[in-house]
Amino acid sequence: MYGSGLAVLMAAEGWIGPDIWLAATQWLLVSLVLVAFAIYLKLS
């Protein structure tokens, strides 16, 4: 979950200024994958 929050912050930073490693929309996709993985681990 913390990684997802960090990915959202990176997306916001990429939207405001220059991209860091990935574009802002790609950071949002990374965030969604991390949330899905966290939910999967929680349910396992």
PDB file of N, CA and C in Angstrom:
ATOM      1  N   MET A   1       0.826  -1.198   0.000  1.00  0.00           N
ATOM      2  CA  MET A   1       0.000   0.000   0.000  1.00  0.00           C
ATOM      3  C   MET A   1       0.872   1.265   0.000  1.00  0.00           C
ATOM      4  N   TYR A   2       1.987   1.205   0.733  1.00  0.00           N
ATOM      5  CA  TYR A   2       2.867   2.382   0.756  1.00  0.00           C
ATOM      6  C   TYR A   2       3.487   2.627  -0.617  1.00  0.00           C
ATOM      7  N   GLY A   3       3.820   1.542  -1.302  1.00  0.00           N
ATOM      8  CA  GLY A   3       4.374   1.680  -2.651  1.00  0.00           C
ATOM      9  C   GLY A   3       3.377   2.299  -3.609  1.00  0.00           C
ATOM     10  N   SER A   4       2.108   1.964  -3.427  1.00  0.00           N
ATOM     11  CA  SER A   4       1.067   2.550  -4.260  1.00  0.00           C
ATOM     12  C   SER A   4       0.950   4.049  -4.018  1.00  0.00           C
ATOM     13  N   GLY A   5       0.996   4.442  -2.757  1.00  0.00           N
ATOM     14  CA  GLY A   5       0.955   5.871  -2.439  1.00  0.00           C
ATOM     15  C   GLY A   5       2.144   6.611  -3.025  1.00  0.00           C
ATOM     16  N   LEU A   6       3.305   5.993  -2.971  1.00  0.00           N
ATOM     17  CA  LEU A   6       4.499   6.605  -3.555  1.00  0.00           C
ATOM     18  C   LEU A   6       4.355   6.731  -5.068  1.00  0.00           C
ATOM     19  N   ALA A   7       3.775   5.725  -5.708  1.00  0.00           N
ATOM     20  CA  ALA A   7       3.566   5.787  -7.155  1.00  0.00           C
ATOM     21  C   ALA A   7       2.595   6.903  -7.529  1.00  0.00           C
ATOM     22  N   VAL A   8       1.571   7.124  -6.702  1.00  0.00           N
ATOM     23  CA  VAL A   8       0.634   8.229  -6.963  1.00  0.00           C
ATOM     24  C   VAL A   8       1.342   9.567  -6.815  1.00  0.00           C
ATOM     25  N   LEU A   9       2.212   9.689  -5.833  1.00  0.00           N
ATOM     26  CA  LEU A   9       2.986  10.924  -5.678  1.00  0.00           C
ATOM     27  C   LEU A   9       3.922  11.154  -6.862  1.00  0.00           C
ATOM     28  N   MET A  10       4.511  10.080  -7.365  1.00  0.00           N
ATOM     29  CA  MET A  10       5.375  10.208  -8.541  1.00  0.00           C
ATOM     30  C   MET A  10       4.554  10.613  -9.761  1.00  0.00           C
ATOM     31  N   ALA A  11       3.322  10.117  -9.861  1.00  0.00           N
ATOM     32  CA  ALA A  11       2.441  10.517 -10.963  1.00  0.00           C
ATOM     33  C   ALA A  11       2.101  12.002 -10.856  1.00  0.00           C
ATOM     34  N   ALA A  12       1.820  12.472  -9.650  1.00  0.00           N
ATOM     35  CA  ALA A  12       1.507  13.888  -9.464  1.00  0.00           C
ATOM     36  C   ALA A  12       2.713  14.752  -9.804  1.00  0.00           C
ATOM     37  N   GLU A  13       3.893  14.311  -9.425  1.00  0.00           N
ATOM     38  CA  GLU A  13       5.104  15.071  -9.730  1.00  0.00           C
ATOM     39  C   GLU A  13       5.347  15.079 -11.232  1.00  0.00           C
ATOM     40  N   GLY A  14       5.095  13.948 -11.900  1.00  0.00           N
ATOM     41  CA  GLY A  14       5.259  13.891 -13.341  1.00  0.00           C
ATOM     42  C   GLY A  14       4.251  14.750 -14.074  1.00  0.00           C
ATOM     43  N   TRP A  15       3.079  14.926 -13.501  1.00  0.00           N
ATOM     44  CA  TRP A  15       2.059  15.773 -14.113  1.00  0.00           C
ATOM     45  C   TRP A  15       2.436  17.254 -13.986  1.00  0.00           C
ATOM     46  N   ILE A  16       3.047  17.605 -12.853  1.00  0.00           N
ATOM     47  CA  ILE A  16       3.418  19.001 -12.606  1.00  0.00           C
ATOM     48  C   ILE A  16       4.691  19.386 -13.354  1.00  0.00           C
ATOM     49  N   GLY A  17       5.692  18.510 -13.296  1.00  0.00           N
ATOM     50  CA  GLY A  17       6.987  18.842 -13.876  1.00  0.00           C
ATOM     51  C   GLY A  17       7.464  17.758 -14.824  1.00  0.00           C
ATOM     52  N   PRO A  18       8.776  17.655 -14.949  1.00  0.00           N
ATOM     53  CA  PRO A  18       9.327  16.626 -15.849  1.00  0.00           C
ATOM     54  C   PRO A  18       9.113  15.223 -15.295  1.00  0.00           C
ATOM     55  N   ASP A  19       8.979  14.266 -16.201  1.00  0.00           N
ATOM     56  CA  ASP A  19       8.753  12.874 -15.796  1.00  0.00           C
ATOM     57  C   ASP A  19      10.011  12.287 -15.179  1.00  0.00           C
ATOM     58  N   ILE A  20       9.810  11.406 -14.196  1.00  0.00           N
ATOM     59  CA  ILE A  20      10.910  10.681 -13.585  1.00  0.00           C
ATOM     60  C   ILE A  20      10.734   9.214 -13.944  1.00  0.00           C
ATOM     61  N   TRP A  21      11.570   8.682 -14.815  1.00  0.00           N
ATOM     62  CA  TRP A  21      11.585   7.289 -15.269  1.00  0.00           C
ATOM     63  C   TRP A  21      10.359   6.918 -16.084  1.00  0.00           C
ATOM     64  N   LEU A  22       9.169   7.218 -15.618  1.00  0.00           N
ATOM     65  CA  LEU A  22       7.937   6.859 -16.324  1.00  0.00           C
ATOM     66  C   LEU A  22       7.040   8.087 -16.454  1.00  0.00           C
ATOM     67  N   ALA A  23       6.101   8.025 -17.379  1.00  0.00           N
ATOM     68  CA  ALA A  23       5.116   9.101 -17.515  1.00  0.00           C
ATOM     69  C   ALA A  23       4.106   9.011 -16.366  1.00  0.00           C
ATOM     70  N   ALA A  24       3.353  10.072 -16.172  1.00  0.00           N
ATOM     71  CA  ALA A  24       2.407  10.139 -15.060  1.00  0.00           C
ATOM     72  C   ALA A  24       1.346   9.041 -15.153  1.00  0.00           C
ATOM     73  N   THR A  25       0.848   8.764 -16.354  1.00  0.00           N
ATOM     74  CA  THR A  25      -0.174   7.718 -16.485  1.00  0.00           C
ATOM     75  C   THR A  25       0.412   6.342 -16.197  1.00  0.00           C
ATOM     76  N   GLN A  26       1.673   6.142 -16.528  1.00  0.00           N
ATOM     77  CA  GLN A  26       2.313   4.862 -16.228  1.00  0.00           C
ATOM     78  C   GLN A  26       2.488   4.688 -14.725  1.00  0.00           C
ATOM     79  N   TRP A  27       2.763   5.765 -14.008  1.00  0.00           N
ATOM     80  CA  TRP A  27       2.860   5.679 -12.548  1.00  0.00           C
ATOM     81  C   TRP A  27       1.509   5.302 -11.952  1.00  0.00           C
ATOM     82  N   LEU A  28       0.415   5.820 -12.532  1.00  0.00           N
ATOM     83  CA  LEU A  28      -0.909   5.442 -12.031  1.00  0.00           C
ATOM     84  C   LEU A  28      -1.190   3.963 -12.271  1.00  0.00           C
ATOM     85  N   LEU A  29      -0.736   3.427 -13.397  1.00  0.00           N
ATOM     86  CA  LEU A  29      -0.900   1.996 -13.653  1.00  0.00           C
ATOM     87  C   LEU A  29      -0.076   1.168 -12.674  1.00  0.00           C
ATOM     88  N   VAL A  30       1.128   1.617 -12.371  1.00  0.00           N
ATOM     89  CA  VAL A  30       1.953   0.930 -11.370  1.00  0.00           C
ATOM     90  C   VAL A  30       1.243   0.940 -10.026  1.00  0.00           C
ATOM     91  N   SER A  31       0.634   2.061  -9.681  1.00  0.00           N
ATOM     92  CA  SER A  31      -0.095   2.174  -8.428  1.00  0.00           C
ATOM     93  C   SER A  31      -1.257   1.178  -8.373  1.00  0.00           C
ATOM     94  N   LEU A  32      -2.001   1.041  -9.468  1.00  0.00           N
ATOM     95  CA  LEU A  32      -3.118   0.096  -9.501  1.00  0.00           C
ATOM     96  C   LEU A  32      -2.631  -1.344  -9.343  1.00  0.00           C
ATOM     97  N   VAL A  33      -1.529  -1.680  -9.982  1.00  0.00           N
ATOM     98  CA  VAL A  33      -0.986  -3.032  -9.858  1.00  0.00           C
ATOM     99  C   VAL A  33      -0.546  -3.297  -8.425  1.00  0.00           C
ATOM    100  N   LEU A  34       0.095  -2.320  -7.791  1.00  0.00           N
ATOM    101  CA  LEU A  34       0.543  -2.497  -6.413  1.00  0.00           C
ATOM    102  C   LEU A  34      -0.633  -2.653  -5.456  1.00  0.00           C
ATOM    103  N   VAL A  35      -1.717  -1.924  -5.682  1.00  0.00           N
ATOM    104  CA  VAL A  35      -2.907  -2.060  -4.844  1.00  0.00           C
ATOM    105  C   VAL A  35      -3.522  -3.443  -5.024  1.00  0.00           C
ATOM    106  N   ALA A  36      -3.608  -3.895  -6.268  1.00  0.00           N
ATOM    107  CA  ALA A  36      -4.173  -5.228  -6.525  1.00  0.00           C
ATOM    108  C   ALA A  36      -3.312  -6.303  -5.862  1.00  0.00           C
ATOM    109  N   PHE A  37      -1.997  -6.167  -5.923  1.00  0.00           N
ATOM    110  CA  PHE A  37      -1.103  -7.135  -5.295  1.00  0.00           C
ATOM    111  C   PHE A  37      -1.230  -7.099  -3.774  1.00  0.00           C
ATOM    112  N   ALA A  38      -1.379  -5.910  -3.200  1.00  0.00           N
ATOM    113  CA  ALA A  38      -1.552  -5.797  -1.750  1.00  0.00           C
ATOM    114  C   ALA A  38      -2.853  -6.447  -1.298  1.00  0.00           C
ATOM    115  N   ILE A  39      -3.923  -6.263  -2.072  1.00  0.00           N
ATOM    116  CA  ILE A  39      -5.196  -6.894  -1.736  1.00  0.00           C
ATOM    117  C   ILE A  39      -5.077  -8.408  -1.844  1.00  0.00           C
ATOM    118  N   TYR A  40      -4.396  -8.881  -2.886  1.00  0.00           N
ATOM    119  CA  TYR A  40      -4.190 -10.320  -3.061  1.00  0.00           C
ATOM    120  C   TYR A  40      -3.427 -10.906  -1.878  1.00  0.00           C
ATOM    121  N   LEU A  41      -2.372 -10.218  -1.453  1.00  0.00           N
ATOM    122  CA  LEU A  41      -1.595 -10.711  -0.309  1.00  0.00           C
ATOM    123  C   LEU A  41      -2.416 -10.688   0.977  1.00  0.00           C
ATOM    124  N   LYS A  42      -3.257  -9.689   1.126  1.00  0.00           N
ATOM    125  CA  LYS A  42      -4.093  -9.585   2.323  1.00  0.00           C
ATOM    126  C   LYS A  42      -5.117 -10.729   2.391  1.00  0.00           C
ATOM    127  N   LEU A  43      -5.658 -11.106   1.234  1.00  0.00           N
ATOM    128  CA  LEU A  43      -6.674 -12.145   1.183  1.00  0.00           C
ATOM    129  C   LEU A  43      -6.074 -13.560   1.233  1.00  0.00           C
ATOM    130  N   SER A  44      -4.780 -13.681   0.949  1.00  0.00           N
ATOM    131  CA  SER A  44      -4.137 -15.004   0.942  1.00  0.00           C
ATOM    132  C   SER A  44      -3.899 -15.520   2.327  1.00  0.00           C
TER     133      SER A  44
END
